């Protein structure tokens, strides 16, 4: 049991570290819940500086979010570009390539919730 717990903690730490190190974006993990079975539900704050972007990436599960501050251009492959402002929410399907770019001269901040396969990294860069 102890071995499984240590392995889970190590994997979670590595996932958060990889997720937080994407260039141009700062992510602050808030909580992680191992639910539903086989998945982790992770809540985090993502911040992108004015003129910056998160970079094209995917998640091995769905992402939902709420814009806390600023405006962003949300680019989801296969969908028209969306401009979102504080108070708007969004959803991104599992495995779909997407990017978020700060719109205008202010940074943007979102609250994201990720329900992802717990055996895979939280985020992976995409071309």
N, C-alpha and C. Protein backbone atom coordinates (compact mmCIF):
# COMPACT_ATOMS: atom_id res chain seq x y z
N UNK A 1 0.83 -1.19 0.00
CA UNK A 1 0.00 0.00 0.00
C UNK A 1 0.87 1.25 0.00
N UNK A 2 1.89 1.26 0.84
CA UNK A 2 2.79 2.40 0.91
C UNK A 2 3.49 2.62 -0.43
N UNK A 3 3.89 1.52 -1.07
CA UNK A 3 4.56 1.61 -2.36
C UNK A 3 3.65 2.26 -3.41
N UNK A 4 2.36 1.88 -3.44
CA UNK A 4 1.40 2.46 -4.38
C UNK A 4 1.20 3.94 -4.10
N UNK A 5 1.12 4.31 -2.84
CA UNK A 5 0.93 5.71 -2.47
C UNK A 5 2.12 6.55 -2.90
N UNK A 6 3.34 6.06 -2.63
CA UNK A 6 4.54 6.79 -3.04
C UNK A 6 4.63 6.91 -4.55
N UNK A 7 4.28 5.87 -5.27
CA UNK A 7 4.30 5.91 -6.72
C UNK A 7 3.29 6.94 -7.23
N UNK A 8 2.11 6.96 -6.67
CA UNK A 8 1.08 7.93 -7.08
C UNK A 8 1.53 9.35 -6.80
N UNK A 9 2.13 9.60 -5.65
CA UNK A 9 2.61 10.94 -5.32
C UNK A 9 3.73 11.38 -6.26
N UNK A 10 4.62 10.47 -6.58
CA UNK A 10 5.71 10.78 -7.50
C UNK A 10 5.16 11.13 -8.88
N UNK A 11 4.23 10.30 -9.38
CA UNK A 11 3.64 10.55 -10.69
C UNK A 11 2.92 11.89 -10.72
N UNK A 12 2.17 12.20 -9.66
CA UNK A 12 1.43 13.46 -9.59
C UNK A 12 2.40 14.63 -9.60
N UNK A 13 3.47 14.53 -8.83
CA UNK A 13 4.46 15.60 -8.81
C UNK A 13 5.09 15.82 -10.17
N UNK A 14 5.43 14.74 -10.86
CA UNK A 14 6.00 14.87 -12.19
C UNK A 14 5.00 15.45 -13.18
N UNK A 15 3.75 15.06 -13.09
CA UNK A 15 2.72 15.59 -13.99
C UNK A 15 2.56 17.08 -13.77
N UNK A 16 2.48 17.51 -12.51
CA UNK A 16 2.35 18.94 -12.23
C UNK A 16 3.58 19.70 -12.70
N UNK A 17 4.77 19.14 -12.50
CA UNK A 17 5.99 19.82 -12.91
C UNK A 17 6.03 19.98 -14.43
N UNK A 18 5.70 18.93 -15.16
CA UNK A 18 5.69 19.02 -16.62
C UNK A 18 4.64 20.01 -17.10
N UNK A 19 3.50 20.02 -16.45
CA UNK A 19 2.41 20.90 -16.83
C UNK A 19 2.79 22.35 -16.57
N UNK A 20 3.40 22.62 -15.43
CA UNK A 20 3.73 23.99 -15.05
C UNK A 20 4.88 24.56 -15.86
N UNK A 21 5.68 23.72 -16.52
CA UNK A 21 6.86 24.20 -17.19
C UNK A 21 6.64 24.52 -18.67
N UNK A 22 5.41 24.43 -19.15
CA UNK A 22 5.19 24.82 -20.54
C UNK A 22 5.58 26.28 -20.69
N UNK A 23 6.32 26.63 -21.76
CA UNK A 23 6.77 28.01 -21.92
C UNK A 23 5.59 28.97 -22.11
N UNK A 24 5.71 30.19 -21.56
CA UNK A 24 4.71 31.22 -21.76
C UNK A 24 3.51 31.13 -20.86
N UNK A 25 3.45 30.17 -19.98
CA UNK A 25 2.27 30.02 -19.14
C UNK A 25 2.69 29.62 -17.73
N UNK A 26 1.97 30.14 -16.76
CA UNK A 26 2.21 29.76 -15.37
C UNK A 26 0.97 29.02 -14.89
N UNK A 27 1.14 27.81 -14.39
CA UNK A 27 0.02 27.04 -13.85
C UNK A 27 0.24 26.82 -12.37
N UNK A 28 -0.80 27.04 -11.61
CA UNK A 28 -0.75 26.82 -10.17
C UNK A 28 -1.75 25.73 -9.83
N UNK A 29 -1.29 24.51 -9.56
CA UNK A 29 -2.21 23.44 -9.18
C UNK A 29 -2.89 23.78 -7.86
N UNK A 30 -4.19 23.57 -7.79
CA UNK A 30 -4.94 23.83 -6.57
C UNK A 30 -5.32 22.55 -5.85
N UNK A 31 -5.79 21.56 -6.62
CA UNK A 31 -6.15 20.29 -5.99
C UNK A 31 -6.20 19.17 -7.03
N UNK A 32 -6.09 17.96 -6.53
CA UNK A 32 -6.19 16.76 -7.37
C UNK A 32 -7.02 15.73 -6.63
N UNK A 33 -7.98 15.15 -7.34
CA UNK A 33 -8.85 14.12 -6.78
C UNK A 33 -8.78 12.92 -7.71
N UNK A 34 -8.56 11.74 -7.18
CA UNK A 34 -8.54 10.53 -8.01
C UNK A 34 -9.98 10.06 -8.22
N UNK A 35 -10.64 10.70 -9.18
CA UNK A 35 -12.04 10.39 -9.48
C UNK A 35 -12.34 10.96 -10.85
N UNK A 36 -13.14 10.29 -11.68
CA UNK A 36 -13.71 8.96 -11.50
C UNK A 36 -12.64 7.87 -11.64
N UNK A 37 -13.04 6.63 -11.52
CA UNK A 37 -12.11 5.51 -11.56
C UNK A 37 -11.24 5.57 -12.81
N UNK A 38 -9.92 5.54 -12.62
CA UNK A 38 -8.98 5.58 -13.74
C UNK A 38 -8.60 6.99 -14.17
N UNK A 39 -9.17 8.00 -13.54
CA UNK A 39 -8.92 9.39 -13.92
C UNK A 39 -8.52 10.21 -12.71
N UNK A 40 -7.85 11.32 -12.99
CA UNK A 40 -7.60 12.35 -11.99
C UNK A 40 -8.39 13.58 -12.40
N UNK A 41 -9.01 14.22 -11.45
CA UNK A 41 -9.65 15.51 -11.68
C UNK A 41 -8.75 16.54 -11.02
N UNK A 42 -8.22 17.44 -11.84
CA UNK A 42 -7.24 18.42 -11.38
C UNK A 42 -7.80 19.82 -11.61
N UNK A 43 -7.69 20.65 -10.59
CA UNK A 43 -8.09 22.05 -10.69
C UNK A 43 -6.83 22.90 -10.60
N UNK A 44 -6.71 23.89 -11.50
CA UNK A 44 -5.52 24.73 -11.53
C UNK A 44 -5.86 26.11 -12.05
N UNK A 45 -5.03 27.07 -11.70
CA UNK A 45 -5.11 28.42 -12.27
C UNK A 45 -4.03 28.49 -13.34
N UNK A 46 -4.39 29.00 -14.52
CA UNK A 46 -3.42 29.20 -15.59
C UNK A 46 -3.36 30.70 -15.89
N UNK A 47 -2.13 31.21 -16.00
CA UNK A 47 -1.92 32.63 -16.29
C UNK A 47 -1.02 32.77 -17.51
N UNK A 48 -1.42 33.64 -18.42
CA UNK A 48 -0.63 33.92 -19.62
C UNK A 48 -0.39 35.42 -19.65
N UNK A 49 0.88 35.85 -19.78
CA UNK A 49 1.16 37.29 -19.80
C UNK A 49 0.63 37.95 -21.07
N UNK A 50 0.48 39.26 -21.03
CA UNK A 50 0.03 40.02 -22.20
C UNK A 50 0.90 39.66 -23.40
N UNK A 51 0.26 39.37 -24.52
CA UNK A 51 0.98 39.02 -25.74
C UNK A 51 1.48 37.59 -25.78
N UNK A 52 1.29 36.83 -24.70
CA UNK A 52 1.79 35.47 -24.63
C UNK A 52 0.74 34.43 -24.99
N UNK A 53 1.17 33.19 -25.04
CA UNK A 53 0.24 32.10 -25.32
C UNK A 53 0.64 30.87 -24.51
N UNK A 54 -0.32 29.98 -24.34
CA UNK A 54 -0.07 28.73 -23.63
C UNK A 54 0.77 27.79 -24.47
N UNK A 55 0.66 27.91 -25.79
CA UNK A 55 1.33 26.98 -26.70
C UNK A 55 0.38 25.84 -27.05
N UNK A 56 0.48 25.36 -28.28
CA UNK A 56 -0.40 24.28 -28.73
C UNK A 56 -0.10 23.02 -27.93
N UNK A 57 -1.17 22.42 -27.39
CA UNK A 57 -1.01 21.23 -26.55
C UNK A 57 -2.31 20.45 -26.50
N UNK A 58 -2.25 19.28 -25.88
CA UNK A 58 -3.43 18.44 -25.69
C UNK A 58 -3.45 17.95 -24.25
N UNK A 59 -4.61 17.42 -23.86
CA UNK A 59 -4.78 16.77 -22.55
C UNK A 59 -5.43 15.40 -22.79
N UNK A 60 -5.08 14.40 -21.99
CA UNK A 60 -5.68 13.06 -22.16
C UNK A 60 -7.04 12.95 -21.46
N UNK A 61 -7.82 13.97 -21.62
CA UNK A 61 -9.15 14.04 -21.02
C UNK A 61 -9.72 15.43 -21.29
N UNK A 62 -10.90 15.69 -20.76
CA UNK A 62 -11.55 16.97 -21.04
C UNK A 62 -10.99 18.09 -20.17
N UNK A 63 -11.11 19.30 -20.68
CA UNK A 63 -10.77 20.51 -19.93
C UNK A 63 -11.99 21.42 -19.96
N UNK A 64 -12.35 21.94 -18.82
CA UNK A 64 -13.36 22.99 -18.75
C UNK A 64 -12.71 24.14 -18.01
N UNK A 65 -13.15 25.35 -18.31
CA UNK A 65 -12.52 26.48 -17.67
C UNK A 65 -13.42 27.68 -17.56
N UNK A 66 -12.97 28.61 -16.74
CA UNK A 66 -13.68 29.85 -16.47
C UNK A 66 -12.64 30.97 -16.50
N UNK A 67 -12.89 32.02 -17.28
CA UNK A 67 -11.96 33.14 -17.39
C UNK A 67 -12.14 34.04 -16.17
N UNK A 68 -11.06 34.17 -15.40
CA UNK A 68 -11.09 35.01 -14.19
C UNK A 68 -10.73 36.45 -14.48
N UNK A 69 -9.71 36.66 -15.32
CA UNK A 69 -9.22 38.00 -15.62
C UNK A 69 -8.78 38.09 -17.07
N UNK A 70 -8.90 39.27 -17.65
CA UNK A 70 -8.40 39.53 -18.99
C UNK A 70 -9.26 38.92 -20.08
N UNK A 71 -8.68 38.87 -21.26
CA UNK A 71 -9.34 38.28 -22.43
C UNK A 71 -8.37 37.32 -23.10
N UNK A 72 -8.92 36.33 -23.79
CA UNK A 72 -8.07 35.38 -24.50
C UNK A 72 -8.70 34.97 -25.80
N UNK A 73 -7.84 34.62 -26.73
CA UNK A 73 -8.27 33.99 -27.97
C UNK A 73 -8.06 32.50 -27.76
N UNK A 74 -9.15 31.74 -27.85
CA UNK A 74 -9.09 30.30 -27.67
C UNK A 74 -9.14 29.65 -29.05
N UNK A 75 -8.08 28.93 -29.38
CA UNK A 75 -7.98 28.26 -30.67
C UNK A 75 -8.06 26.76 -30.43
N UNK A 76 -9.15 26.16 -30.86
CA UNK A 76 -9.36 24.72 -30.73
C UNK A 76 -9.42 24.15 -32.14
N UNK A 77 -8.53 23.21 -32.46
CA UNK A 77 -8.51 22.65 -33.81
C UNK A 77 -9.91 22.18 -34.21
N UNK A 78 -10.31 22.55 -35.44
CA UNK A 78 -11.60 22.13 -35.97
C UNK A 78 -12.75 23.05 -35.58
N UNK A 79 -12.47 24.12 -34.82
CA UNK A 79 -13.51 25.07 -34.41
C UNK A 79 -13.06 26.49 -34.75
N UNK A 80 -14.03 27.40 -34.95
CA UNK A 80 -13.64 28.80 -35.17
C UNK A 80 -12.99 29.38 -33.91
N UNK A 81 -12.07 30.31 -34.11
CA UNK A 81 -11.42 30.98 -32.98
C UNK A 81 -12.47 31.71 -32.14
N UNK A 82 -12.31 31.65 -30.82
CA UNK A 82 -13.24 32.31 -29.90
C UNK A 82 -12.47 33.33 -29.08
N UNK A 83 -13.06 34.50 -28.88
CA UNK A 83 -12.51 35.49 -27.97
C UNK A 83 -13.36 35.46 -26.71
N UNK A 84 -12.70 35.18 -25.58
CA UNK A 84 -13.38 35.06 -24.31
C UNK A 84 -12.91 36.14 -23.36
N UNK A 85 -13.80 36.60 -22.48
CA UNK A 85 -13.45 37.62 -21.50
C UNK A 85 -13.81 37.13 -20.10
N UNK A 86 -13.40 37.88 -19.10
CA UNK A 86 -13.69 37.51 -17.72
C UNK A 86 -15.18 37.20 -17.57
N UNK A 87 -15.49 36.08 -16.94
CA UNK A 87 -16.87 35.64 -16.75
C UNK A 87 -17.32 34.60 -17.75
N UNK A 88 -16.56 34.41 -18.84
CA UNK A 88 -16.91 33.40 -19.84
C UNK A 88 -16.34 32.04 -19.44
N UNK A 89 -16.98 30.98 -19.93
CA UNK A 89 -16.48 29.63 -19.68
C UNK A 89 -16.28 28.93 -21.01
N UNK A 90 -15.57 27.80 -20.96
CA UNK A 90 -15.27 27.06 -22.19
C UNK A 90 -15.10 25.58 -21.87
N UNK A 91 -15.12 24.76 -22.93
CA UNK A 91 -14.90 23.32 -22.82
C UNK A 91 -14.01 22.90 -23.98
N UNK A 92 -13.08 21.99 -23.70
CA UNK A 92 -12.20 21.45 -24.74
C UNK A 92 -12.27 19.92 -24.66
N UNK A 93 -12.63 19.27 -25.77
CA UNK A 93 -12.73 17.80 -25.76
C UNK A 93 -11.37 17.13 -25.52
N UNK A 94 -11.41 15.91 -25.06
CA UNK A 94 -10.21 15.12 -24.79
C UNK A 94 -9.37 14.96 -26.05
N UNK A 95 -8.06 15.15 -25.91
CA UNK A 95 -7.12 14.89 -26.99
C UNK A 95 -7.09 15.89 -28.12
N UNK A 96 -7.88 16.96 -28.04
CA UNK A 96 -7.95 17.93 -29.12
C UNK A 96 -6.86 19.00 -28.92
N UNK A 97 -6.14 19.29 -30.00
CA UNK A 97 -5.09 20.30 -29.94
C UNK A 97 -5.73 21.68 -29.76
N UNK A 98 -5.15 22.46 -28.84
CA UNK A 98 -5.69 23.80 -28.59
C UNK A 98 -4.59 24.73 -28.08
N UNK A 99 -4.90 26.02 -28.09
CA UNK A 99 -3.99 27.05 -27.60
C UNK A 99 -4.84 28.18 -27.04
N UNK A 100 -4.28 28.91 -26.10
CA UNK A 100 -4.94 30.10 -25.54
C UNK A 100 -3.93 31.23 -25.61
N UNK A 101 -4.33 32.34 -26.22
CA UNK A 101 -3.45 33.49 -26.37
C UNK A 101 -4.08 34.69 -25.66
N UNK A 102 -3.26 35.39 -24.86
CA UNK A 102 -3.75 36.59 -24.20
C UNK A 102 -4.13 37.60 -25.28
N UNK A 103 -5.31 38.18 -25.16
CA UNK A 103 -5.83 39.13 -26.14
C UNK A 103 -5.71 40.54 -25.56
N UNK A 104 -5.18 41.45 -26.34
CA UNK A 104 -5.03 42.82 -25.87
C UNK A 104 -3.74 43.01 -25.09
N UNK A 105 -3.73 44.06 -24.26
CA UNK A 105 -2.50 44.44 -23.56
C UNK A 105 -2.49 44.00 -22.10
N UNK A 106 -3.36 43.09 -21.73
CA UNK A 106 -3.40 42.60 -20.35
C UNK A 106 -3.17 41.09 -20.31
N UNK A 107 -2.66 40.64 -19.17
CA UNK A 107 -2.52 39.20 -18.96
C UNK A 107 -3.91 38.59 -18.79
N UNK A 108 -3.98 37.28 -18.98
CA UNK A 108 -5.25 36.59 -18.73
C UNK A 108 -5.03 35.49 -17.71
N UNK A 109 -6.11 35.21 -16.97
CA UNK A 109 -6.05 34.18 -15.94
C UNK A 109 -7.32 33.35 -16.03
N UNK A 110 -7.17 32.03 -16.04
CA UNK A 110 -8.33 31.14 -16.09
C UNK A 110 -8.24 30.11 -14.97
N UNK A 111 -9.40 29.66 -14.55
CA UNK A 111 -9.51 28.53 -13.63
C UNK A 111 -9.87 27.33 -14.49
N UNK A 112 -8.98 26.33 -14.54
CA UNK A 112 -9.21 25.16 -15.37
C UNK A 112 -9.46 23.92 -14.53
N UNK A 113 -10.34 23.07 -15.04
CA UNK A 113 -10.61 21.77 -14.42
C UNK A 113 -10.35 20.72 -15.49
N UNK A 114 -9.48 19.77 -15.17
CA UNK A 114 -9.06 18.73 -16.10
C UNK A 114 -9.45 17.38 -15.55
N UNK A 115 -10.17 16.59 -16.35
CA UNK A 115 -10.51 15.22 -15.96
C UNK A 115 -9.74 14.35 -16.95
N UNK A 116 -8.61 13.80 -16.46
CA UNK A 116 -7.65 13.17 -17.36
C UNK A 116 -7.27 11.76 -16.93
N UNK A 117 -6.89 10.98 -17.92
CA UNK A 117 -6.39 9.61 -17.68
C UNK A 117 -5.20 9.69 -16.74
N UNK A 118 -5.28 9.03 -15.60
CA UNK A 118 -4.23 9.18 -14.60
C UNK A 118 -2.93 8.47 -14.96
N UNK A 119 -2.92 7.68 -16.02
CA UNK A 119 -1.69 7.00 -16.44
C UNK A 119 -0.89 7.82 -17.45
N UNK A 120 -1.40 9.00 -17.83
CA UNK A 120 -0.75 9.82 -18.85
C UNK A 120 -0.39 11.18 -18.30
N UNK A 121 0.56 11.87 -18.95
CA UNK A 121 0.90 13.22 -18.51
C UNK A 121 -0.31 14.15 -18.63
N UNK A 122 -0.38 15.13 -17.78
CA UNK A 122 -1.50 16.07 -17.78
C UNK A 122 -1.62 16.84 -19.07
N UNK A 123 -0.48 17.21 -19.65
CA UNK A 123 -0.47 17.95 -20.92
C UNK A 123 0.70 17.49 -21.77
N UNK A 124 0.50 17.53 -23.08
CA UNK A 124 1.57 17.18 -24.03
C UNK A 124 1.61 18.23 -25.11
N UNK A 125 2.82 18.72 -25.47
CA UNK A 125 2.92 19.70 -26.54
C UNK A 125 2.44 19.11 -27.87
N UNK A 126 1.93 19.98 -28.73
CA UNK A 126 1.46 19.56 -30.06
C UNK A 126 2.12 20.44 -31.11
N UNK A 127 2.33 19.91 -32.29
CA UNK A 127 2.94 20.71 -33.37
C UNK A 127 2.01 21.81 -33.85
